[in-house]
Amino acid sequence: MSAYPPADDRLRHLLAQRINCHVDTWKLAFFIAGAIVDDPEIRAEMKRLADAHASGQPCGDRNCRACFIAQFATTNQENPS
């Protein structure tokens, strides 16, 4: 992994890169990303998702691609056509 962005600020940078496609300036994207990263509810949800995945359990988030794929693969194995 590269030294930039620093590991302790990587999430903010990754979010800002995505947001930057939809706003006028990098500074605004970085500000929005900072607000997202600092939000305690978002942090708690990210921890819940990570804990579920780390324990091998589905996270329950309908937008989680990994859990969707795992559920779909299990469903297909139980009911082969």
C-alpha atoms as a PDB file:
ATOM      1  CA  MET A   1       0.000   0.000   0.000  1.00  0.00           C
ATOM      2  CA  SER A   2       1.302   3.448  -0.792  1.00  0.00           C
ATOM      3  CA  ALA A   3       2.292   5.930   1.899  1.00  0.00           C
ATOM      4  CA  TYR A   4      -0.315   8.422   0.638  1.00  0.00           C
ATOM      5  CA  PRO A   5      -2.934   8.862   1.865  1.00  0.00           C
ATOM      6  CA  PRO A   6      -1.816   8.029   5.372  1.00  0.00           C
ATOM      7  CA  ALA A   7      -3.604   5.005   6.843  1.00  0.00           C
ATOM      8  CA  ASP A   8      -5.267   7.092   9.544  1.00  0.00           C
ATOM      9  CA  ASP A   9      -6.920   9.336   6.939  1.00  0.00           C
ATOM     10  CA  ARG A  10      -7.440   6.827   4.121  1.00  0.00           C
ATOM     11  CA  LEU A  11     -11.222   6.561   4.518  1.00  0.00           C
ATOM     12  CA  ARG A  12     -11.629  10.332   4.255  1.00  0.00           C
ATOM     13  CA  HIS A  13      -9.477  10.426   1.133  1.00  0.00           C
ATOM     14  CA  LEU A  14     -11.307   7.538  -0.531  1.00  0.00           C
ATOM     15  CA  LEU A  15     -14.694   9.125   0.147  1.00  0.00           C
ATOM     16  CA  ALA A  16     -13.476  12.514  -1.065  1.00  0.00           C
ATOM     17  CA  GLN A  17     -12.270  10.965  -4.322  1.00  0.00           C
ATOM     18  CA  ARG A  18     -15.755   9.578  -4.991  1.00  0.00           C
ATOM     19  CA  ILE A  19     -17.535  12.754  -3.897  1.00  0.00           C
ATOM     20  CA  ASN A  20     -15.202  14.912  -5.994  1.00  0.00           C
ATOM     21  CA  CYS A  21     -16.856  13.555  -9.159  1.00  0.00           C
ATOM     22  CA  HIS A  22     -20.092  15.262  -8.116  1.00  0.00           C
ATOM     23  CA  VAL A  23     -18.991  18.602  -6.660  1.00  0.00           C
ATOM     24  CA  ASP A  24     -17.072  21.612  -7.951  1.00  0.00           C
ATOM     25  CA  THR A  25     -13.937  21.493  -5.817  1.00  0.00           C
ATOM     26  CA  TRP A  26     -11.678  19.015  -4.072  1.00  0.00           C
ATOM     27  CA  LYS A  27     -11.849  21.166  -0.936  1.00  0.00           C
ATOM     28  CA  LEU A  28     -15.647  20.737  -0.790  1.00  0.00           C
ATOM     29  CA  ALA A  29     -15.352  16.991  -1.416  1.00  0.00           C
ATOM     30  CA  PHE A  30     -12.785  16.664   1.367  1.00  0.00           C
ATOM     31  CA  PHE A  31     -15.006  18.708   3.736  1.00  0.00           C
ATOM     32  CA  ILE A  32     -18.046  16.490   3.019  1.00  0.00           C
ATOM     33  CA  ALA A  33     -15.958  13.331   3.408  1.00  0.00           C
ATOM     34  CA  GLY A  34     -14.668  14.598   6.738  1.00  0.00           C
ATOM     35  CA  ALA A  35     -18.201  15.144   7.998  1.00  0.00           C
ATOM     36  CA  ILE A  36     -19.136  11.608   6.936  1.00  0.00           C
ATOM     37  CA  VAL A  37     -16.081   9.999   8.542  1.00  0.00           C
ATOM     38  CA  ASP A  38     -16.541  11.915  11.802  1.00  0.00           C
ATOM     39  CA  ASP A  39     -20.241  11.025  12.161  1.00  0.00           C
ATOM     40  CA  PRO A  40     -20.656   8.624  15.115  1.00  0.00           C
ATOM     41  CA  GLU A  41     -23.688   6.874  13.602  1.00  0.00           C
ATOM     42  CA  ILE A  42     -21.797   6.157  10.391  1.00  0.00           C
ATOM     43  CA  ARG A  43     -18.799   4.914  12.362  1.00  0.00           C
ATOM     44  CA  ALA A  44     -21.057   2.628  14.423  1.00  0.00           C
ATOM     45  CA  GLU A  45     -22.651   1.201  11.274  1.00  0.00           C
ATOM     46  CA  MET A  46     -19.265   0.608   9.657  1.00  0.00           C
ATOM     47  CA  LYS A  47     -18.140  -1.206  12.816  1.00  0.00           C
ATOM     48  CA  ARG A  48     -21.315  -3.321  12.838  1.00  0.00           C
ATOM     49  CA  LEU A  49     -20.756  -4.321   9.204  1.00  0.00           C
ATOM     50  CA  ALA A  50     -17.075  -5.093   9.771  1.00  0.00           C
ATOM     51  CA  ASP A  51     -17.793  -7.118  12.918  1.00  0.00           C
ATOM     52  CA  ALA A  52     -20.436  -9.184  11.101  1.00  0.00           C
ATOM     53  CA  HIS A  53     -18.096  -9.905   8.202  1.00  0.00           C
ATOM     54  CA  ALA A  54     -15.169 -10.678  10.523  1.00  0.00           C
ATOM     55  CA  SER A  55     -17.283 -13.257  12.366  1.00  0.00           C
ATOM     56  CA  GLY A  56     -18.426 -14.833   9.081  1.00  0.00           C
ATOM     57  CA  GLN A  57     -22.016 -13.672   9.483  1.00  0.00           C
ATOM     58  CA  PRO A  58     -24.051 -11.791   6.871  1.00  0.00           C
ATOM     59  CA  CYS A  59     -24.175  -8.091   7.693  1.00  0.00           C
ATOM     60  CA  GLY A  60     -27.804  -7.640   6.688  1.00  0.00           C
ATOM     61  CA  ASP A  61     -27.138  -4.593   4.534  1.00  0.00           C
ATOM     62  CA  ARG A  62     -29.078  -4.968   1.291  1.00  0.00           C
ATOM     63  CA  ASN A  63     -26.329  -3.132  -0.618  1.00  0.00           C
ATOM     64  CA  CYS A  64     -23.542  -5.448   0.535  1.00  0.00           C
ATOM     65  CA  ARG A  65     -22.349  -7.196  -2.600  1.00  0.00           C
ATOM     66  CA  ALA A  66     -20.440  -9.929  -0.738  1.00  0.00           C
ATOM     67  CA  CYS A  67     -23.454 -10.918   1.363  1.00  0.00           C
ATOM     68  CA  PHE A  68     -25.759 -10.781  -1.666  1.00  0.00           C
ATOM     69  CA  ILE A  69     -23.456 -13.057  -3.667  1.00  0.00           C
ATOM     70  CA  ALA A  70     -23.102 -15.472  -0.740  1.00  0.00           C
ATOM     71  CA  GLN A  71     -26.868 -15.607  -0.218  1.00  0.00           C
ATOM     72  CA  PHE A  72     -27.505 -16.095  -3.937  1.00  0.00           C
ATOM     73  CA  ALA A  73     -24.920 -18.878  -4.179  1.00  0.00           C
ATOM     74  CA  THR A  74     -26.450 -20.640  -1.153  1.00  0.00           C
ATOM     75  CA  THR A  75     -29.957 -20.301  -2.571  1.00  0.00           C
ATOM     76  CA  ASN A  76     -28.871 -21.773  -5.919  1.00  0.00           C
ATOM     77  CA  GLN A  77     -27.159 -24.727  -4.250  1.00  0.00           C
ATOM     78  CA  GLU A  78     -30.254 -25.512  -2.159  1.00  0.00           C
ATOM     79  CA  ASN A  79     -32.645 -25.286  -5.137  1.00  0.00           C
ATOM     80  CA  PRO A  80     -30.762 -26.411  -8.265  1.00  0.00           C
ATOM     81  CA  SER A  81     -32.741 -26.042 -11.472  1.00  0.00           C
END
